[in-house]
Amino acid sequence: MAKRYVRQTGKDKDGDITRLCNSVHEWSPRSKANAISDIDSGAHEYWVNWANSPETSIHVVNGTDGKYLRTDWDNTSKNNLDDLPDC
């Protein structure tokens, strides 16, 4: 399983994550659906390496409207995928 670092996220008009990005890698951009498939199958892990916090893994969550991507729950809101710049 390869570990992929995410530096930006694509978002739709509602702010939902639509893709994961890291412009220095050939896998980028990776659509939400493909990233979910990668994680679910164990093919790849996706991580965010924050400047002032420990790295955070990206997980697949089963929501009421289907699967989506999210970082771990913790005591800060400053390490969410929404906080990454757009790609």
PDB file of N, CA and C in Angstrom:
ATOM      1  N   MET A   1       0.843  -1.171   0.000  1.00  0.00           N
ATOM      2  CA  MET A   1       0.000   0.000   0.000  1.00  0.00           C
ATOM      3  C   MET A   1       0.892   1.240   0.000  1.00  0.00           C
ATOM      4  N   ALA A   2       0.686   2.099  -0.963  1.00  0.00           N
ATOM      5  CA  ALA A   2       1.474   3.322  -1.084  1.00  0.00           C
ATOM      6  C   ALA A   2       0.822   4.452  -0.293  1.00  0.00           C
ATOM      7  N   LYS A   3       1.646   5.249   0.350  1.00  0.00           N
ATOM      8  CA  LYS A   3       1.178   6.400   1.121  1.00  0.00           C
ATOM      9  C   LYS A   3       1.279   7.632   0.230  1.00  0.00           C
ATOM     10  N   ARG A   4       0.157   8.295   0.005  1.00  0.00           N
ATOM     11  CA  ARG A   4       0.113   9.482  -0.843  1.00  0.00           C
ATOM     12  C   ARG A   4      -0.220  10.699   0.014  1.00  0.00           C
ATOM     13  N   TYR A   5       0.554  11.765  -0.183  1.00  0.00           N
ATOM     14  CA  TYR A   5       0.338  12.993   0.575  1.00  0.00           C
ATOM     15  C   TYR A   5      -0.476  13.987  -0.244  1.00  0.00           C
ATOM     16  N   VAL A   6      -1.498  14.532   0.374  1.00  0.00           N
ATOM     17  CA  VAL A   6      -2.418  15.471  -0.252  1.00  0.00           C
ATOM     18  C   VAL A   6      -2.063  16.883   0.201  1.00  0.00           C
ATOM     19  N   ARG A   7      -1.971  17.815  -0.755  1.00  0.00           N
ATOM     20  CA  ARG A   7      -1.654  19.207  -0.429  1.00  0.00           C
ATOM     21  C   ARG A   7      -2.772  20.184  -0.768  1.00  0.00           C
ATOM     22  N   GLN A   8      -3.666  19.764  -1.655  1.00  0.00           N
ATOM     23  CA  GLN A   8      -4.807  20.588  -2.029  1.00  0.00           C
ATOM     24  C   GLN A   8      -6.027  19.680  -2.194  1.00  0.00           C
ATOM     25  N   THR A   9      -7.194  20.307  -2.170  1.00  0.00           N
ATOM     26  CA  THR A   9      -8.430  19.571  -2.437  1.00  0.00           C
ATOM     27  C   THR A   9      -9.290  20.363  -3.408  1.00  0.00           C
ATOM     28  N   GLY A  10      -9.999  19.644  -4.265  1.00  0.00           N
ATOM     29  CA  GLY A  10     -11.008  20.263  -5.111  1.00  0.00           C
ATOM     30  C   GLY A  10     -12.333  20.205  -4.388  1.00  0.00           C
ATOM     31  N   LYS A  11     -13.119  21.251  -4.532  1.00  0.00           N
ATOM     32  CA  LYS A  11     -14.401  21.338  -3.840  1.00  0.00           C
ATOM     33  C   LYS A  11     -15.485  21.775  -4.818  1.00  0.00           C
ATOM     34  N   ASP A  12     -16.706  21.280  -4.604  1.00  0.00           N
ATOM     35  CA  ASP A  12     -17.812  21.724  -5.441  1.00  0.00           C
ATOM     36  C   ASP A  12     -18.423  22.998  -4.855  1.00  0.00           C
ATOM     37  N   LYS A  13     -19.510  23.476  -5.472  1.00  0.00           N
ATOM     38  CA  LYS A  13     -20.117  24.742  -5.035  1.00  0.00           C
ATOM     39  C   LYS A  13     -20.646  24.696  -3.604  1.00  0.00           C
ATOM     40  N   ASP A  14     -20.889  23.478  -3.091  1.00  0.00           N
ATOM     41  CA  ASP A  14     -21.352  23.318  -1.713  1.00  0.00           C
ATOM     42  C   ASP A  14     -20.204  23.132  -0.723  1.00  0.00           C
ATOM     43  N   GLY A  15     -18.971  23.091  -1.234  1.00  0.00           N
ATOM     44  CA  GLY A  15     -17.806  22.896  -0.382  1.00  0.00           C
ATOM     45  C   GLY A  15     -17.453  21.442  -0.142  1.00  0.00           C
ATOM     46  N   ASP A  16     -18.160  20.521  -0.808  1.00  0.00           N
ATOM     47  CA  ASP A  16     -17.856  19.093  -0.661  1.00  0.00           C
ATOM     48  C   ASP A  16     -16.581  18.748  -1.426  1.00  0.00           C
ATOM     49  N   ILE A  17     -15.771  17.878  -0.871  1.00  0.00           N
ATOM     50  CA  ILE A  17     -14.516  17.463  -1.500  1.00  0.00           C
ATOM     51  C   ILE A  17     -14.820  16.620  -2.735  1.00  0.00           C
ATOM     52  N   THR A  18     -14.245  17.006  -3.871  1.00  0.00           N
ATOM     53  CA  THR A  18     -14.456  16.291  -5.131  1.00  0.00           C
ATOM     54  C   THR A  18     -13.190  15.623  -5.654  1.00  0.00           C
ATOM     55  N   ARG A  19     -12.024  16.078  -5.169  1.00  0.00           N
ATOM     56  CA  ARG A  19     -10.760  15.473  -5.605  1.00  0.00           C
ATOM     57  C   ARG A  19      -9.647  15.806  -4.613  1.00  0.00           C
ATOM     58  N   LEU A  20      -8.621  14.967  -4.632  1.00  0.00           N
ATOM     59  CA  LEU A  20      -7.427  15.152  -3.817  1.00  0.00           C
ATOM     60  C   LEU A  20      -6.270  15.459  -4.749  1.00  0.00           C
ATOM     61  N   CYS A  21      -5.388  16.365  -4.332  1.00  0.00           N
ATOM     62  CA  CYS A  21      -4.321  16.800  -5.237  1.00  0.00           C
ATOM     63  C   CYS A  21      -2.979  16.958  -4.527  1.00  0.00           C
ATOM     64  N   ASN A  22      -1.929  16.732  -5.297  1.00  0.00           N
ATOM     65  CA  ASN A  22      -0.559  17.056  -4.938  1.00  0.00           C
ATOM     66  C   ASN A  22       0.165  17.192  -6.269  1.00  0.00           C
ATOM     67  N   SER A  23       0.353  18.412  -6.714  1.00  0.00           N
ATOM     68  CA  SER A  23       0.789  18.694  -8.078  1.00  0.00           C
ATOM     69  C   SER A  23       2.144  18.114  -8.464  1.00  0.00           C
ATOM     70  N   VAL A  24       2.936  17.669  -7.504  1.00  0.00           N
ATOM     71  CA  VAL A  24       4.245  17.110  -7.853  1.00  0.00           C
ATOM     72  C   VAL A  24       4.200  15.603  -8.114  1.00  0.00           C
ATOM     73  N   HIS A  25       3.010  15.007  -8.050  1.00  0.00           N
ATOM     74  CA  HIS A  25       2.890  13.564  -8.263  1.00  0.00           C
ATOM     75  C   HIS A  25       1.976  13.251  -9.437  1.00  0.00           C
ATOM     76  N   GLU A  26       2.299  12.177 -10.151  1.00  0.00           N
ATOM     77  CA  GLU A  26       1.544  11.801 -11.347  1.00  0.00           C
ATOM     78  C   GLU A  26       0.126  11.316 -11.038  1.00  0.00           C
ATOM     79  N   TRP A  27      -0.152  10.895  -9.818  1.00  0.00           N
ATOM     80  CA  TRP A  27      -1.493  10.429  -9.466  1.00  0.00           C
ATOM     81  C   TRP A  27      -2.491  11.578  -9.325  1.00  0.00           C
ATOM     82  N   SER A  28      -1.976  12.780  -9.236  1.00  0.00           N
ATOM     83  CA  SER A  28      -2.805  13.953  -8.967  1.00  0.00           C
ATOM     84  C   SER A  28      -3.267  14.631 -10.252  1.00  0.00           C
ATOM     85  N   PRO A  29      -4.523  15.096 -10.283  1.00  0.00           N
ATOM     86  CA  PRO A  29      -5.547  15.004  -9.249  1.00  0.00           C
ATOM     87  C   PRO A  29      -6.208  13.629  -9.249  1.00  0.00           C
ATOM     88  N   ARG A  30      -6.697  13.239  -8.093  1.00  0.00           N
ATOM     89  CA  ARG A  30      -7.387  11.953  -7.929  1.00  0.00           C
ATOM     90  C   ARG A  30      -8.827  12.249  -7.537  1.00  0.00           C
ATOM     91  N   SER A  31      -9.771  11.766  -8.316  1.00  0.00           N
ATOM     92  CA  SER A  31     -11.183  12.040  -8.030  1.00  0.00           C
ATOM     93  C   SER A  31     -11.581  11.436  -6.689  1.00  0.00           C
ATOM     94  N   LYS A  32     -12.617  11.982  -6.096  1.00  0.00           N
ATOM     95  CA  LYS A  32     -13.153  11.464  -4.835  1.00  0.00           C
ATOM     96  C   LYS A  32     -13.484   9.986  -4.984  1.00  0.00           C
ATOM     97  N   ALA A  33     -14.161   9.617  -6.061  1.00  0.00           N
ATOM     98  CA  ALA A  33     -14.559   8.215  -6.266  1.00  0.00           C
ATOM     99  C   ALA A  33     -13.348   7.299  -6.350  1.00  0.00           C
ATOM    100  N   ASN A  34     -12.313   7.722  -7.071  1.00  0.00           N
ATOM    101  CA  ASN A  34     -11.109   6.892  -7.188  1.00  0.00           C
ATOM    102  C   ASN A  34     -10.342   6.819  -5.883  1.00  0.00           C
ATOM    103  N   ALA A  35     -10.281   7.932  -5.140  1.00  0.00           N
ATOM    104  CA  ALA A  35      -9.601   7.922  -3.840  1.00  0.00           C
ATOM    105  C   ALA A  35     -10.336   7.002  -2.871  1.00  0.00           C
ATOM    106  N   ILE A  36     -11.661   7.047  -2.876  1.00  0.00           N
ATOM    107  CA  ILE A  36     -12.446   6.159  -2.017  1.00  0.00           C
ATOM    108  C   ILE A  36     -12.174   4.705  -2.390  1.00  0.00           C
ATOM    109  N   SER A  37     -12.152   4.404  -3.671  1.00  0.00           N
ATOM    110  CA  SER A  37     -11.851   3.046  -4.132  1.00  0.00           C
ATOM    111  C   SER A  37     -10.453   2.621  -3.698  1.00  0.00           C
ATOM    112  N   ASP A  38      -9.467   3.520  -3.836  1.00  0.00           N
ATOM    113  CA  ASP A  38      -8.086   3.225  -3.420  1.00  0.00           C
ATOM    114  C   ASP A  38      -8.023   2.867  -1.940  1.00  0.00           C
ATOM    115  N   ILE A  39      -8.694   3.643  -1.107  1.00  0.00           N
ATOM    116  CA  ILE A  39      -8.674   3.422   0.343  1.00  0.00           C
ATOM    117  C   ILE A  39      -9.425   2.139   0.701  1.00  0.00           C
ATOM    118  N   ASP A  40     -10.612   1.984   0.141  1.00  0.00           N
ATOM    119  CA  ASP A  40     -11.429   0.801   0.444  1.00  0.00           C
ATOM    120  C   ASP A  40     -10.740  -0.498   0.036  1.00  0.00           C
ATOM    121  N   SER A  41     -10.030  -0.471  -1.086  1.00  0.00           N
ATOM    122  CA  SER A  41      -9.370  -1.687  -1.574  1.00  0.00           C
ATOM    123  C   SER A  41      -8.011  -1.926  -0.919  1.00  0.00           C
ATOM    124  N   GLY A  42      -7.495  -0.912  -0.219  1.00  0.00           N
ATOM    125  CA  GLY A  42      -6.173  -1.022   0.388  1.00  0.00           C
ATOM    126  C   GLY A  42      -5.044  -0.741  -0.582  1.00  0.00           C
ATOM    127  N   ALA A  43      -5.362  -0.230  -1.765  1.00  0.00           N
ATOM    128  CA  ALA A  43      -4.334   0.063  -2.768  1.00  0.00           C
ATOM    129  C   ALA A  43      -3.441   1.229  -2.343  1.00  0.00           C
ATOM    130  N   HIS A  44      -4.050   2.263  -1.749  1.00  0.00           N
ATOM    131  CA  HIS A  44      -3.303   3.461  -1.338  1.00  0.00           C
ATOM    132  C   HIS A  44      -3.891   4.033  -0.064  1.00  0.00           C
ATOM    133  N   GLU A  45      -3.041   4.712   0.690  1.00  0.00           N
ATOM    134  CA  GLU A  45      -3.459   5.532   1.829  1.00  0.00           C
ATOM    135  C   GLU A  45      -3.269   6.982   1.416  1.00  0.00           C
ATOM    136  N   TYR A  46      -4.114   7.857   1.915  1.00  0.00           N
ATOM    137  CA  TYR A  46      -3.985   9.285   1.657  1.00  0.00           C
ATOM    138  C   TYR A  46      -3.803   9.994   2.991  1.00  0.00           C
ATOM    139  N   TRP A  47      -2.832  10.898   3.033  1.00  0.00           N
ATOM    140  CA  TRP A  47      -2.458  11.597   4.257  1.00  0.00           C
ATOM    141  C   TRP A  47      -2.269  13.076   3.971  1.00  0.00           C
ATOM    142  N   VAL A  48      -2.434  13.904   5.008  1.00  0.00           N
ATOM    143  CA  VAL A  48      -2.111  15.322   4.954  1.00  0.00           C
ATOM    144  C   VAL A  48      -0.993  15.562   5.952  1.00  0.00           C
ATOM    145  N   ASN A  49       0.076  16.192   5.508  1.00  0.00           N
ATOM    146  CA  ASN A  49       1.205  16.527   6.362  1.00  0.00           C
ATOM    147  C   ASN A  49       1.111  18.016   6.696  1.00  0.00           C
ATOM    148  N   TRP A  50       0.486  18.327   7.829  1.00  0.00           N
ATOM    149  CA  TRP A  50       0.226  19.709   8.234  1.00  0.00           C
ATOM    150  C   TRP A  50       1.494  20.388   8.715  1.00  0.00           C
ATOM    151  N   ALA A  51       1.584  21.700   8.523  1.00  0.00           N
ATOM    152  CA  ALA A  51       2.762  22.465   8.922  1.00  0.00           C
ATOM    153  C   ALA A  51       2.955  22.471  10.435  1.00  0.00           C
ATOM    154  N   ASN A  52       1.890  22.640  11.208  1.00  0.00           N
ATOM    155  CA  ASN A  52       2.015  22.795  12.659  1.00  0.00           C
ATOM    156  C   ASN A  52       1.319  21.696  13.446  1.00  0.00           C
ATOM    157  N   SER A  53       1.044  20.582  12.819  1.00  0.00           N
ATOM    158  CA  SER A  53       0.355  19.467  13.472  1.00  0.00           C
ATOM    159  C   SER A  53       0.890  18.155  12.923  1.00  0.00           C
ATOM    160  N   PRO A  54       0.656  17.077  13.623  1.00  0.00           N
ATOM    161  CA  PRO A  54       1.072  15.772  13.094  1.00  0.00           C
ATOM    162  C   PRO A  54       0.313  15.439  11.806  1.00  0.00           C
ATOM    163  N   GLU A  55       0.894  14.566  11.003  1.00  0.00           N
ATOM    164  CA  GLU A  55       0.198  14.163   9.785  1.00  0.00           C
ATOM    165  C   GLU A  55      -1.110  13.459  10.143  1.00  0.00           C
ATOM    166  N   THR A  56      -2.069  13.575   9.251  1.00  0.00           N
ATOM    167  CA  THR A  56      -3.411  13.067   9.489  1.00  0.00           C
ATOM    168  C   THR A  56      -3.825  12.170   8.338  1.00  0.00           C
ATOM    169  N   SER A  57      -4.376  11.016   8.658  1.00  0.00           N
ATOM    170  CA  SER A  57      -4.845  10.126   7.595  1.00  0.00           C
ATOM    171  C   SER A  57      -6.235  10.546   7.128  1.00  0.00           C
ATOM    172  N   ILE A  58      -6.517  10.237   5.869  1.00  0.00           N
ATOM    173  CA  ILE A  58      -7.829  10.502   5.282  1.00  0.00           C
ATOM    174  C   ILE A  58      -8.587   9.184   5.257  1.00  0.00           C
ATOM    175  N   HIS A  59      -9.814   9.208   5.755  1.00  0.00           N
ATOM    176  CA  HIS A  59     -10.645   8.014   5.856  1.00  0.00           C
ATOM    177  C   HIS A  59     -11.875   8.118   4.972  1.00  0.00           C
ATOM    178  N   VAL A  60     -12.438   6.975   4.664  1.00  0.00           N
ATOM    179  CA  VAL A  60     -13.732   6.906   3.987  1.00  0.00           C
ATOM    180  C   VAL A  60     -14.807   6.771   5.052  1.00  0.00           C
ATOM    181  N   VAL A  61     -15.843   7.584   4.927  1.00  0.00           N
ATOM    182  CA  VAL A  61     -16.961   7.569   5.869  1.00  0.00           C
ATOM    183  C   VAL A  61     -18.237   7.277   5.087  1.00  0.00           C
ATOM    184  N   ASN A  62     -19.079   6.423   5.645  1.00  0.00           N
ATOM    185  CA  ASN A  62     -20.383   6.135   5.045  1.00  0.00           C
ATOM    186  C   ASN A  62     -21.393   7.117   5.600  1.00  0.00           C
ATOM    187  N   GLY A  63     -21.784   8.089   4.789  1.00  0.00           N
ATOM    188  CA  GLY A  63     -22.762   9.086   5.209  1.00  0.00           C
ATOM    189  C   GLY A  63     -24.144   8.757   4.692  1.00  0.00           C
ATOM    190  N   THR A  64     -25.104   9.568   5.047  1.00  0.00           N
ATOM    191  CA  THR A  64     -26.487   9.341   4.613  1.00  0.00           C
ATOM    192  C   THR A  64     -26.639   9.514   3.103  1.00  0.00           C
ATOM    193  N   ASP A  65     -25.761  10.302   2.490  1.00  0.00           N
ATOM    194  CA  ASP A  65     -25.807  10.524   1.041  1.00  0.00           C
ATOM    195  C   ASP A  65     -24.722   9.756   0.294  1.00  0.00           C
ATOM    196  N   GLY A  66     -24.125   8.771   0.939  1.00  0.00           N
ATOM    197  CA  GLY A  66     -23.073   7.987   0.303  1.00  0.00           C
ATOM    198  C   GLY A  66     -21.733   8.188   0.988  1.00  0.00           C
ATOM    199  N   LYS A  67     -20.710   7.629   0.377  1.00  0.00           N
ATOM    200  CA  LYS A  67     -19.367   7.695   0.960  1.00  0.00           C
ATOM    201  C   LYS A  67     -18.732   9.053   0.697  1.00  0.00           C
ATOM    202  N   TYR A  68     -17.914   9.479   1.679  1.00  0.00           N
ATOM    203  CA  TYR A  68     -17.149  10.707   1.506  1.00  0.00           C
ATOM    204  C   TYR A  68     -15.824  10.577   2.224  1.00  0.00           C
ATOM    205  N   LEU A  69     -14.932  11.556   2.020  1.00  0.00           N
ATOM    206  CA  LEU A  69     -13.585  11.549   2.592  1.00  0.00           C
ATOM    207  C   LEU A  69     -13.517  12.509   3.766  1.00  0.00           C
ATOM    208  N   ARG A  70     -12.785  12.101   4.812  1.00  0.00           N
ATOM    209  CA  ARG A  70     -12.666  12.930   6.010  1.00  0.00           C
ATOM    210  C   ARG A  70     -11.361  12.599   6.715  1.00  0.00           C
ATOM    211  N   THR A  71     -10.809  13.580   7.416  1.00  0.00           N
ATOM    212  CA  THR A  71      -9.664  13.340   8.289  1.00  0.00           C
ATOM    213  C   THR A  71     -10.184  12.870   9.641  1.00  0.00           C
ATOM    214  N   ASP A  72      -9.273  12.408  10.497  1.00  0.00           N
ATOM    215  CA  ASP A  72      -9.650  11.927  11.830  1.00  0.00           C
ATOM    216  C   ASP A  72     -10.296  13.022  12.665  1.00  0.00           C
ATOM    217  N   TRP A  73     -11.233  12.614  13.514  1.00  0.00           N
ATOM    218  CA  TRP A  73     -11.807  13.522  14.503  1.00  0.00           C
ATOM    219  C   TRP A  73     -10.757  13.798  15.577  1.00  0.00           C
ATOM    220  N   ASP A  74     -10.633  15.053  15.970  1.00  0.00           N
ATOM    221  CA  ASP A  74      -9.780  15.403  17.101  1.00  0.00           C
ATOM    222  C   ASP A  74     -10.269  16.705  17.702  1.00  0.00           C
ATOM    223  N   ASN A  75      -9.445  17.335  18.508  1.00  0.00           N
ATOM    224  CA  ASN A  75      -9.894  18.512  19.249  1.00  0.00           C
ATOM    225  C   ASN A  75      -9.688  19.828  18.510  1.00  0.00           C
ATOM    226  N   THR A  76      -9.348  19.800  17.229  1.00  0.00           N
ATOM    227  CA  THR A  76      -9.185  21.037  16.472  1.00  0.00           C
ATOM    228  C   THR A  76      -9.895  20.925  15.133  1.00  0.00           C
ATOM    229  N   SER A  77     -10.353  22.050  14.639  1.00  0.00           N
ATOM    230  CA  SER A  77     -10.975  22.076  13.318  1.00  0.00           C
ATOM    231  C   SER A  77      -9.989  22.555  12.265  1.00  0.00           C
ATOM    232  N   LYS A  78      -8.757  22.812  12.650  1.00  0.00           N
ATOM    233  CA  LYS A  78      -7.772  23.361  11.730  1.00  0.00           C
ATOM    234  C   LYS A  78      -6.972  22.299  10.992  1.00  0.00           C
ATOM    235  N   ASN A  79      -7.451  21.076  10.961  1.00  0.00           N
ATOM    236  CA  ASN A  79      -6.774  20.051  10.163  1.00  0.00           C
ATOM    237  C   ASN A  79      -7.795  19.273   9.337  1.00  0.00           C
ATOM    238  N   ASN A  80      -8.743  20.004   8.795  1.00  0.00           N
ATOM    239  CA  ASN A  80      -9.767  19.412   7.966  1.00  0.00           C
ATOM    240  C   ASN A  80      -9.406  19.554   6.491  1.00  0.00           C
ATOM    241  N   LEU A  81      -9.925  18.677   5.668  1.00  0.00           N
ATOM    242  CA  LEU A  81      -9.668  18.748   4.231  1.00  0.00           C
ATOM    243  C   LEU A  81     -10.135  20.084   3.654  1.00  0.00           C
ATOM    244  N   ASP A  82     -11.179  20.660   4.229  1.00  0.00           N
ATOM    245  CA  ASP A  82     -11.670  21.966   3.761  1.00  0.00           C
ATOM    246  C   ASP A  82     -10.630  23.075   3.920  1.00  0.00           C
ATOM    247  N   ASP A  83      -9.704  22.910   4.859  1.00  0.00           N
ATOM    248  CA  ASP A  83      -8.705  23.937   5.124  1.00  0.00           C
ATOM    249  C   ASP A  83      -7.574  23.951   4.094  1.00  0.00           C
ATOM    250  N   LEU A  84      -7.482  22.907   3.286  1.00  0.00           N
ATOM    251  CA  LEU A  84      -6.438  22.875   2.263  1.00  0.00           C
ATOM    252  C   LEU A  84      -6.792  23.803   1.105  1.00  0.00           C
ATOM    253  N   PRO A  85      -5.787  24.365   0.436  1.00  0.00           N
ATOM    254  CA  PRO A  85      -6.083  25.227  -0.721  1.00  0.00           C
ATOM    255  C   PRO A  85      -6.729  24.420  -1.846  1.00  0.00           C
ATOM    256  N   ASP A  86      -7.410  25.136  -2.718  1.00  0.00           N
ATOM    257  CA  ASP A  86      -8.070  24.499  -3.865  1.00  0.00           C
ATOM    258  C   ASP A  86      -7.057  24.046  -4.909  1.00  0.00           C
ATOM    259  N   CYS A  87      -7.446  22.979  -5.598  1.00  0.00           N
ATOM    260  CA  CYS A  87      -6.625  22.521  -6.733  1.00  0.00           C
ATOM    261  C   CYS A  87      -7.466  22.498  -7.992  1.00  0.00           C
TER     262      CYS A  87
END
